[in-house]
């Protein structure tokens, strides 16, 4: 079975009180969205699409 992943990352993240979009905040040396992409790949996703907006 083929696996594709769509990551919805278009929010402003205003509750974080930062000019940086939430998905770009670093966690353990990489942006949050980087962790999601890495897990998608580890699960065998053939295609990963990131839908982004605000400052991305």
N, C-alpha and C. Protein backbone atom coordinates (compact mmCIF):
# COMPACT_ATOMS: atom_id res chain seq x y z
N UNK A 1 0.84 -1.17 0.00
CA UNK A 1 0.00 0.00 0.00
C UNK A 1 0.90 1.25 0.00
N UNK A 2 0.52 2.23 -0.80
CA UNK A 2 1.27 3.48 -0.85
C UNK A 2 0.73 4.45 0.20
N UNK A 3 1.64 5.18 0.83
CA UNK A 3 1.25 6.13 1.86
C UNK A 3 1.69 7.52 1.45
N UNK A 4 0.75 8.46 1.49
CA UNK A 4 1.05 9.87 1.27
C UNK A 4 0.58 10.65 2.48
N UNK A 5 1.27 11.73 2.80
CA UNK A 5 0.95 12.52 3.98
C UNK A 5 0.77 13.98 3.57
N UNK A 6 -0.28 14.61 4.09
CA UNK A 6 -0.48 16.04 3.92
C UNK A 6 -0.41 16.66 5.30
N UNK A 7 0.53 17.57 5.49
CA UNK A 7 0.72 18.24 6.78
C UNK A 7 0.11 19.63 6.67
N UNK A 8 -0.90 19.91 7.49
CA UNK A 8 -1.56 21.21 7.49
C UNK A 8 -0.84 22.10 8.49
N UNK A 9 -0.10 23.08 7.98
CA UNK A 9 0.75 23.91 8.84
C UNK A 9 0.60 25.38 8.51
N UNK A 10 -0.64 25.83 8.28
CA UNK A 10 -0.84 27.20 7.81
C UNK A 10 -1.28 28.17 8.89
N UNK A 11 -1.36 27.74 10.13
CA UNK A 11 -1.83 28.64 11.19
C UNK A 11 -0.78 29.65 11.62
N UNK A 12 -1.25 30.74 12.20
CA UNK A 12 -0.35 31.79 12.68
C UNK A 12 0.33 31.39 14.00
N UNK A 13 -0.35 30.64 14.81
CA UNK A 13 0.21 30.28 16.12
C UNK A 13 0.22 31.48 17.05
N UNK A 14 -0.83 32.30 17.03
CA UNK A 14 -0.86 33.54 17.80
C UNK A 14 -0.81 33.31 19.31
N UNK A 15 -1.26 32.17 19.78
CA UNK A 15 -1.23 31.92 21.23
C UNK A 15 0.19 31.74 21.75
N UNK A 16 1.14 31.55 20.84
CA UNK A 16 2.53 31.37 21.27
C UNK A 16 3.22 32.71 21.51
N UNK A 17 2.55 33.81 21.18
CA UNK A 17 3.08 35.16 21.41
C UNK A 17 4.45 35.34 20.76
N UNK A 18 4.56 34.92 19.50
CA UNK A 18 5.83 35.01 18.78
C UNK A 18 5.56 35.42 17.34
N UNK A 19 6.51 36.11 16.74
CA UNK A 19 6.40 36.47 15.33
C UNK A 19 6.69 35.27 14.44
N UNK A 20 7.34 34.26 15.00
CA UNK A 20 7.69 33.06 14.25
C UNK A 20 6.47 32.14 14.16
N UNK A 21 6.15 31.63 12.97
CA UNK A 21 5.03 30.68 12.86
C UNK A 21 5.27 29.46 13.77
N UNK A 22 4.20 28.96 14.33
CA UNK A 22 4.28 27.85 15.30
C UNK A 22 5.08 26.66 14.76
N UNK A 23 4.85 26.28 13.53
CA UNK A 23 5.50 25.10 12.98
C UNK A 23 7.00 25.28 12.78
N UNK A 24 7.48 26.52 12.84
CA UNK A 24 8.91 26.78 12.68
C UNK A 24 9.65 26.92 14.01
N UNK A 25 8.92 26.88 15.12
CA UNK A 25 9.58 26.94 16.42
C UNK A 25 10.46 25.71 16.61
N UNK A 26 11.68 25.93 17.09
CA UNK A 26 12.60 24.80 17.26
C UNK A 26 12.24 23.93 18.47
N UNK A 27 12.44 22.64 18.29
CA UNK A 27 12.27 21.67 19.36
C UNK A 27 13.35 20.61 19.16
N UNK A 28 14.22 20.47 20.13
CA UNK A 28 15.31 19.49 20.06
C UNK A 28 16.15 19.67 18.79
N UNK A 29 16.41 20.93 18.45
CA UNK A 29 17.33 21.21 17.35
C UNK A 29 16.74 21.25 15.95
N UNK A 30 15.43 21.09 15.83
CA UNK A 30 14.81 21.20 14.50
C UNK A 30 13.42 21.80 14.64
N UNK A 31 12.91 22.42 13.58
CA UNK A 31 11.56 23.00 13.65
C UNK A 31 10.51 21.91 13.90
N UNK A 32 9.41 22.28 14.54
CA UNK A 32 8.34 21.32 14.82
C UNK A 32 7.91 20.57 13.57
N UNK A 33 7.75 21.28 12.47
CA UNK A 33 7.31 20.62 11.24
C UNK A 33 8.36 19.61 10.76
N UNK A 34 9.61 19.83 11.08
CA UNK A 34 10.66 18.88 10.72
C UNK A 34 10.47 17.54 11.40
N UNK A 35 9.99 17.57 12.64
CA UNK A 35 9.71 16.32 13.36
C UNK A 35 8.56 15.56 12.69
N UNK A 36 7.54 16.29 12.28
CA UNK A 36 6.39 15.66 11.63
C UNK A 36 6.81 15.04 10.30
N UNK A 37 7.64 15.75 9.55
CA UNK A 37 8.13 15.22 8.27
C UNK A 37 8.97 13.96 8.51
N UNK A 38 9.84 14.00 9.52
CA UNK A 38 10.69 12.84 9.82
C UNK A 38 9.86 11.61 10.19
N UNK A 39 8.82 11.80 10.99
CA UNK A 39 7.96 10.68 11.37
C UNK A 39 7.21 10.15 10.15
N UNK A 40 6.77 11.05 9.29
CA UNK A 40 6.08 10.63 8.06
C UNK A 40 6.98 9.74 7.22
N UNK A 41 8.22 10.15 7.07
CA UNK A 41 9.19 9.36 6.31
C UNK A 41 9.47 8.02 7.00
N UNK A 42 9.60 8.05 8.32
CA UNK A 42 9.86 6.81 9.07
C UNK A 42 8.71 5.81 8.93
N UNK A 43 7.51 6.31 8.73
CA UNK A 43 6.34 5.45 8.54
C UNK A 43 6.22 4.94 7.11
N UNK A 44 7.12 5.40 6.25
CA UNK A 44 7.14 4.91 4.88
C UNK A 44 6.40 5.76 3.88
N UNK A 45 6.12 7.01 4.21
CA UNK A 45 5.41 7.88 3.28
C UNK A 45 6.24 8.10 2.02
N UNK A 46 5.62 7.86 0.88
CA UNK A 46 6.30 8.07 -0.39
C UNK A 46 6.28 9.55 -0.77
N UNK A 47 5.19 10.22 -0.39
CA UNK A 47 5.07 11.64 -0.69
C UNK A 47 4.62 12.37 0.57
N UNK A 48 5.25 13.52 0.82
CA UNK A 48 4.87 14.37 1.94
C UNK A 48 4.63 15.76 1.38
N UNK A 49 3.44 16.30 1.62
CA UNK A 49 3.10 17.65 1.18
C UNK A 49 2.83 18.50 2.41
N UNK A 50 3.40 19.70 2.44
CA UNK A 50 3.18 20.62 3.55
C UNK A 50 2.39 21.81 3.03
N UNK A 51 1.23 22.05 3.63
CA UNK A 51 0.41 23.22 3.30
C UNK A 51 0.77 24.28 4.33
N UNK A 52 1.37 25.36 3.88
CA UNK A 52 1.82 26.38 4.82
C UNK A 52 1.31 27.74 4.39
N UNK A 53 1.46 28.70 5.28
CA UNK A 53 1.01 30.06 5.02
C UNK A 53 1.84 31.01 5.86
N UNK A 54 1.21 31.86 6.55
CA UNK A 54 1.76 32.89 7.42
C UNK A 54 3.26 32.80 7.71
N UNK A 55 4.06 33.46 6.89
CA UNK A 55 5.49 33.56 7.13
C UNK A 55 6.30 32.34 6.77
N UNK A 56 5.71 31.35 6.15
CA UNK A 56 6.39 30.09 5.86
C UNK A 56 7.17 30.11 4.64
